[in-house]
C-alpha atoms as a PDB file:
ATOM      1  CA  MET A   1       1.326 -22.713   5.725  1.00  0.00           C
ATOM      2  CA  SER A   2       0.173 -19.177   5.266  1.00  0.00           C
ATOM      3  CA  PRO A   3       2.379 -16.183   6.099  1.00  0.00           C
ATOM      4  CA  GLU A   4       0.223 -15.308   9.113  1.00  0.00           C
ATOM      5  CA  SER A   5       0.434 -18.835  10.505  1.00  0.00           C
ATOM      6  CA  VAL A   6       4.211 -18.905  10.059  1.00  0.00           C
ATOM      7  CA  SER A   7       4.885 -15.488  11.574  1.00  0.00           C
ATOM      8  CA  HIS A   8       2.164 -15.209  14.253  1.00  0.00           C
ATOM      9  CA  GLY A   9       0.640 -18.666  14.581  1.00  0.00           C
ATOM     10  CA  ASP A  10      -2.701 -17.261  13.382  1.00  0.00           C
ATOM     11  CA  THR A  11      -5.328 -19.660  12.091  1.00  0.00           C
ATOM     12  CA  GLY A  12      -8.670 -19.102  10.445  1.00  0.00           C
ATOM     13  CA  LYS A  13     -10.443 -19.125   7.120  1.00  0.00           C
ATOM     14  CA  GLY A  14      -7.569 -17.224   5.518  1.00  0.00           C
ATOM     15  CA  LEU A  15      -5.264 -20.118   6.341  1.00  0.00           C
ATOM     16  CA  ASP A  16      -7.715 -22.564   4.782  1.00  0.00           C
ATOM     17  CA  LEU A  17      -7.859 -20.527   1.580  1.00  0.00           C
ATOM     18  CA  TRP A  18      -4.051 -20.307   1.440  1.00  0.00           C
ATOM     19  CA  SER A  19      -3.944 -24.094   1.842  1.00  0.00           C
ATOM     20  CA  LEU A  20      -6.483 -24.447  -0.962  1.00  0.00           C
ATOM     21  CA  GLY A  21      -4.173 -22.411  -3.190  1.00  0.00           C
ATOM     22  CA  CYS A  22      -1.292 -24.746  -2.319  1.00  0.00           C
ATOM     23  CA  LEU A  23      -3.390 -27.798  -3.084  1.00  0.00           C
ATOM     24  CA  VAL A  24      -4.766 -26.514  -6.383  1.00  0.00           C
ATOM     25  CA  SER A  25      -1.340 -25.292  -7.462  1.00  0.00           C
ATOM     26  CA  GLU A  26       0.260 -28.668  -6.789  1.00  0.00           C
ATOM     27  CA  MET A  27      -2.563 -30.595  -8.426  1.00  0.00           C
ATOM     28  CA  TYR A  28      -2.484 -28.387 -11.506  1.00  0.00           C
ATOM     29  CA  THR A  29       1.285 -28.198 -11.961  1.00  0.00           C
ATOM     30  CA  GLY A  30       2.385 -31.515 -10.482  1.00  0.00           C
ATOM     31  CA  LYS A  31       4.951 -29.666  -8.370  1.00  0.00           C
ATOM     32  CA  ARG A  32       4.986 -28.775  -4.707  1.00  0.00           C
ATOM     33  CA  PRO A  33       4.628 -25.086  -3.957  1.00  0.00           C
ATOM     34  CA  TRP A  34       8.032 -23.487  -3.495  1.00  0.00           C
ATOM     35  CA  SER A  35       9.685 -26.374  -5.359  1.00  0.00           C
ATOM     36  CA  HIS A  36      11.833 -23.725  -7.049  1.00  0.00           C
ATOM     37  CA  LYS A  37      13.406 -22.999  -3.645  1.00  0.00           C
ATOM     38  CA  LYS A  38      15.650 -25.337  -1.721  1.00  0.00           C
ATOM     39  CA  TYR A  39      14.457 -26.276   1.730  1.00  0.00           C
ATOM     40  CA  ASP A  40      15.464 -29.269   3.792  1.00  0.00           C
ATOM     41  CA  ASP A  41      13.026 -29.065   6.656  1.00  0.00           C
ATOM     42  CA  LEU A  42      10.015 -27.250   8.023  1.00  0.00           C
ATOM     43  CA  GLU A  43      12.051 -24.344   9.377  1.00  0.00           C
ATOM     44  CA  ASP A  44      13.592 -23.703   5.943  1.00  0.00           C
ATOM     45  CA  LEU A  45      10.126 -23.771   4.386  1.00  0.00           C
ATOM     46  CA  LYS A  46       8.850 -21.273   6.968  1.00  0.00           C
ATOM     47  CA  LYS A  47      11.722 -18.903   6.117  1.00  0.00           C
ATOM     48  CA  CYS A  48      10.923 -19.250   2.425  1.00  0.00           C
ATOM     49  CA  ILE A  49       7.265 -18.410   3.017  1.00  0.00           C
ATOM     50  CA  GLU A  50       8.156 -15.419   5.188  1.00  0.00           C
ATOM     51  CA  LYS A  51      10.510 -14.061   2.506  1.00  0.00           C
ATOM     52  CA  CYS A  52       8.772 -14.784  -0.773  1.00  0.00           C
ATOM     53  CA  TYR A  53       5.166 -15.315   0.354  1.00  0.00           C
ATOM     54  CA  ALA A  54       3.426 -16.881  -2.642  1.00  0.00           C
ATOM     55  CA  PRO A  55       5.033 -19.618  -4.722  1.00  0.00           C
ATOM     56  CA  LEU A  56       5.838 -19.112  -8.373  1.00  0.00           C
ATOM     57  CA  ILE A  57       2.888 -19.601 -10.670  1.00  0.00           C
ATOM     58  CA  PRO A  58       3.927 -21.024 -14.059  1.00  0.00           C
ATOM     59  CA  ASN A  59       3.368 -18.661 -16.977  1.00  0.00           C
ATOM     60  CA  ASP A  60       1.779 -21.364 -19.105  1.00  0.00           C
ATOM     61  CA  LEU A  61      -1.233 -21.774 -16.808  1.00  0.00           C
ATOM     62  CA  PRO A  62      -4.507 -20.429 -18.181  1.00  0.00           C
ATOM     63  CA  CYS A  63      -5.418 -16.956 -16.907  1.00  0.00           C
ATOM     64  CA  ASP A  64      -8.378 -18.183 -14.860  1.00  0.00           C
ATOM     65  CA  ALA A  65      -6.183 -20.789 -13.119  1.00  0.00           C
ATOM     66  CA  LYS A  66      -3.533 -18.166 -12.331  1.00  0.00           C
ATOM     67  CA  ASN A  67      -6.155 -15.764 -11.039  1.00  0.00           C
ATOM     68  CA  PHE A  68      -7.755 -18.419  -8.828  1.00  0.00           C
ATOM     69  CA  ILE A  69      -4.437 -19.486  -7.310  1.00  0.00           C
ATOM     70  CA  MET A  70      -3.220 -15.915  -6.805  1.00  0.00           C
ATOM     71  CA  THR A  71      -6.531 -15.044  -5.136  1.00  0.00           C
ATOM     72  CA  CYS A  72      -5.833 -17.796  -2.608  1.00  0.00           C
ATOM     73  CA  PHE A  73      -2.297 -16.464  -2.111  1.00  0.00           C
ATOM     74  CA  ALA A  74      -3.243 -12.868  -1.245  1.00  0.00           C
ATOM     75  CA  PHE A  75      -0.761 -11.820   1.453  1.00  0.00           C
ATOM     76  CA  GLU A  76      -3.339 -10.424   3.865  1.00  0.00           C
ATOM     77  CA  PRO A  77      -5.868 -13.048   5.002  1.00  0.00           C
ATOM     78  CA  ASP A  78      -8.693 -10.501   4.759  1.00  0.00           C
ATOM     79  CA  GLU A  79      -7.827  -9.931   1.088  1.00  0.00           C
ATOM     80  CA  ARG A  80      -8.451 -13.589   0.256  1.00  0.00           C
ATOM     81  CA  LYS A  81     -11.875 -14.179  -1.227  1.00  0.00           C
ATOM     82  CA  GLU A  82     -14.630 -15.991   0.619  1.00  0.00           C
ATOM     83  CA  ALA A  83     -14.892 -19.712  -0.120  1.00  0.00           C
ATOM     84  CA  LEU A  84     -18.325 -19.207  -1.682  1.00  0.00           C
ATOM     85  CA  THR A  85     -16.890 -16.584  -4.036  1.00  0.00           C
ATOM     86  CA  LEU A  86     -14.103 -18.973  -5.026  1.00  0.00           C
ATOM     87  CA  LEU A  87     -16.650 -21.706  -5.738  1.00  0.00           C
ATOM     88  CA  ARG A  88     -18.171 -19.387  -8.337  1.00  0.00           C
ATOM     89  CA  HIS A  89     -14.789 -18.621  -9.919  1.00  0.00           C
ATOM     90  CA  SER A  90     -14.538 -19.301 -13.661  1.00  0.00           C
ATOM     91  CA  PHE A  91     -11.620 -21.676 -13.052  1.00  0.00           C
ATOM     92  CA  LEU A  92     -13.867 -24.043 -11.100  1.00  0.00           C
ATOM     93  CA  ARG A  93     -16.821 -23.701 -13.419  1.00  0.00           C
ATOM     94  CA  GLY A  94     -14.751 -24.887 -16.351  1.00  0.00           C
ATOM     95  CA  ASP A  95     -16.111 -26.064 -19.654  1.00  0.00           C
ATOM     96  CA  VAL A  96     -18.566 -28.856 -18.936  1.00  0.00           C
ATOM     97  CA  LYS A  97     -18.561 -29.880 -22.594  1.00  0.00           C
ATOM     98  CA  ASN A  98     -15.077 -31.331 -22.160  1.00  0.00           C
ATOM     99  CA  ILE A  99     -15.898 -33.552 -19.194  1.00  0.00           C
ATOM    100  CA  ILE A 100     -15.579 -37.214 -20.099  1.00  0.00           C
ATOM    101  CA  GLU A 101     -18.183 -39.436 -18.524  1.00  0.00           C
ATOM    102  CA  PRO A 102     -17.010 -42.829 -17.252  1.00  0.00           C
ATOM    103  CA  PRO A 103     -18.344 -45.886 -19.070  1.00  0.00           C
ATOM    104  CA  LEU A 104     -21.624 -47.109 -17.587  1.00  0.00           C
ATOM    105  CA  ASN A 105     -20.956 -50.848 -17.711  1.00  0.00           C
ATOM    106  CA  VAL A 106     -17.630 -51.111 -15.940  1.00  0.00           C
ATOM    107  CA  LYS A 107     -17.000 -54.453 -14.277  1.00  0.00           C
ATOM    108  CA  THR A 108     -14.654 -54.520 -11.354  1.00  0.00           C
ATOM    109  CA  GLU A 109     -12.943 -57.525  -9.882  1.00  0.00           C
ATOM    110  CA  ASN A 110     -13.815 -58.651  -6.410  1.00  0.00           C
ATOM    111  CA  PRO A 111     -10.840 -57.596  -4.231  1.00  0.00           C
ATOM    112  CA  ARG A 112     -10.949 -60.899  -2.319  1.00  0.00           C
ATOM    113  CA  LYS A 113     -10.729 -62.863  -5.552  1.00  0.00           C
ATOM    114  CA  ILE A 114      -7.692 -60.834  -6.597  1.00  0.00           C
ATOM    115  CA  ALA A 115      -6.074 -61.336  -3.182  1.00  0.00           C
ATOM    116  CA  ASP A 116      -6.689 -65.092  -3.327  1.00  0.00           C
ATOM    117  CA  ASN A 117      -5.143 -65.250  -6.773  1.00  0.00           C
ATOM    118  CA  ILE A 118      -1.907 -63.729  -5.550  1.00  0.00           C
ATOM    119  CA  ASN A 119      -1.971 -65.432  -2.130  1.00  0.00           C
ATOM    120  CA  LEU A 120      -2.051 -62.188  -0.154  1.00  0.00           C
ATOM    121  CA  ARG A 121      -4.816 -63.325   2.134  1.00  0.00           C
ATOM    122  CA  LYS A 122      -3.022 -66.561   2.908  1.00  0.00           C
ATOM    123  CA  SER A 123       0.429 -65.130   3.480  1.00  0.00           C
ATOM    124  CA  TRP A 124      -0.436 -62.118   5.627  1.00  0.00           C
ATOM    125  CA  ARG A 125      -2.287 -62.607   8.893  1.00  0.00           C
ATOM    126  CA  ILE A 126      -2.961 -59.974  11.543  1.00  0.00           C
ATOM    127  CA  GLU A 127      -1.904 -62.376  14.277  1.00  0.00           C
ATOM    128  CA  ASP A 128       1.561 -62.591  12.763  1.00  0.00           C
ATOM    129  CA  HIS A 129       2.010 -58.830  12.962  1.00  0.00           C
ATOM    130  CA  GLN A 130       0.575 -57.969  16.372  1.00  0.00           C
ATOM    131  CA  GLU A 131       2.903 -56.943  19.151  1.00  0.00           C
ATOM    132  CA  THR A 132       2.923 -59.060  22.258  1.00  0.00           C
ATOM    133  CA  ALA A 133       2.478 -57.289  25.575  1.00  0.00           C
END
């Protein structure tokens, strides 16, 4: 939730970019934004956002990751970059030399065969779990 959506109920592309910052931050750090603050419910989280705005960004993140996330967390929605600009950001370009390609000849099990082997298909039937009117 962006500051403008918390305080005024505003929505728009700025909100989407704020949300992108939240998502990237959590994916990169493994922690929810504002995890350093205690909040028990949505109202507590809203107060936290209104008071401290952007979540803490760990110091050990690479500079391009920090810059990308902080760009998403600009306080004013108009100060947040356009999505197209963010797509060109060095953080998203990355170093393609380090991308590991998946093996080409990967065999996967048939899900039905796996289910039969552990009796899931036989023990769980839709009819057994439907509500009667």
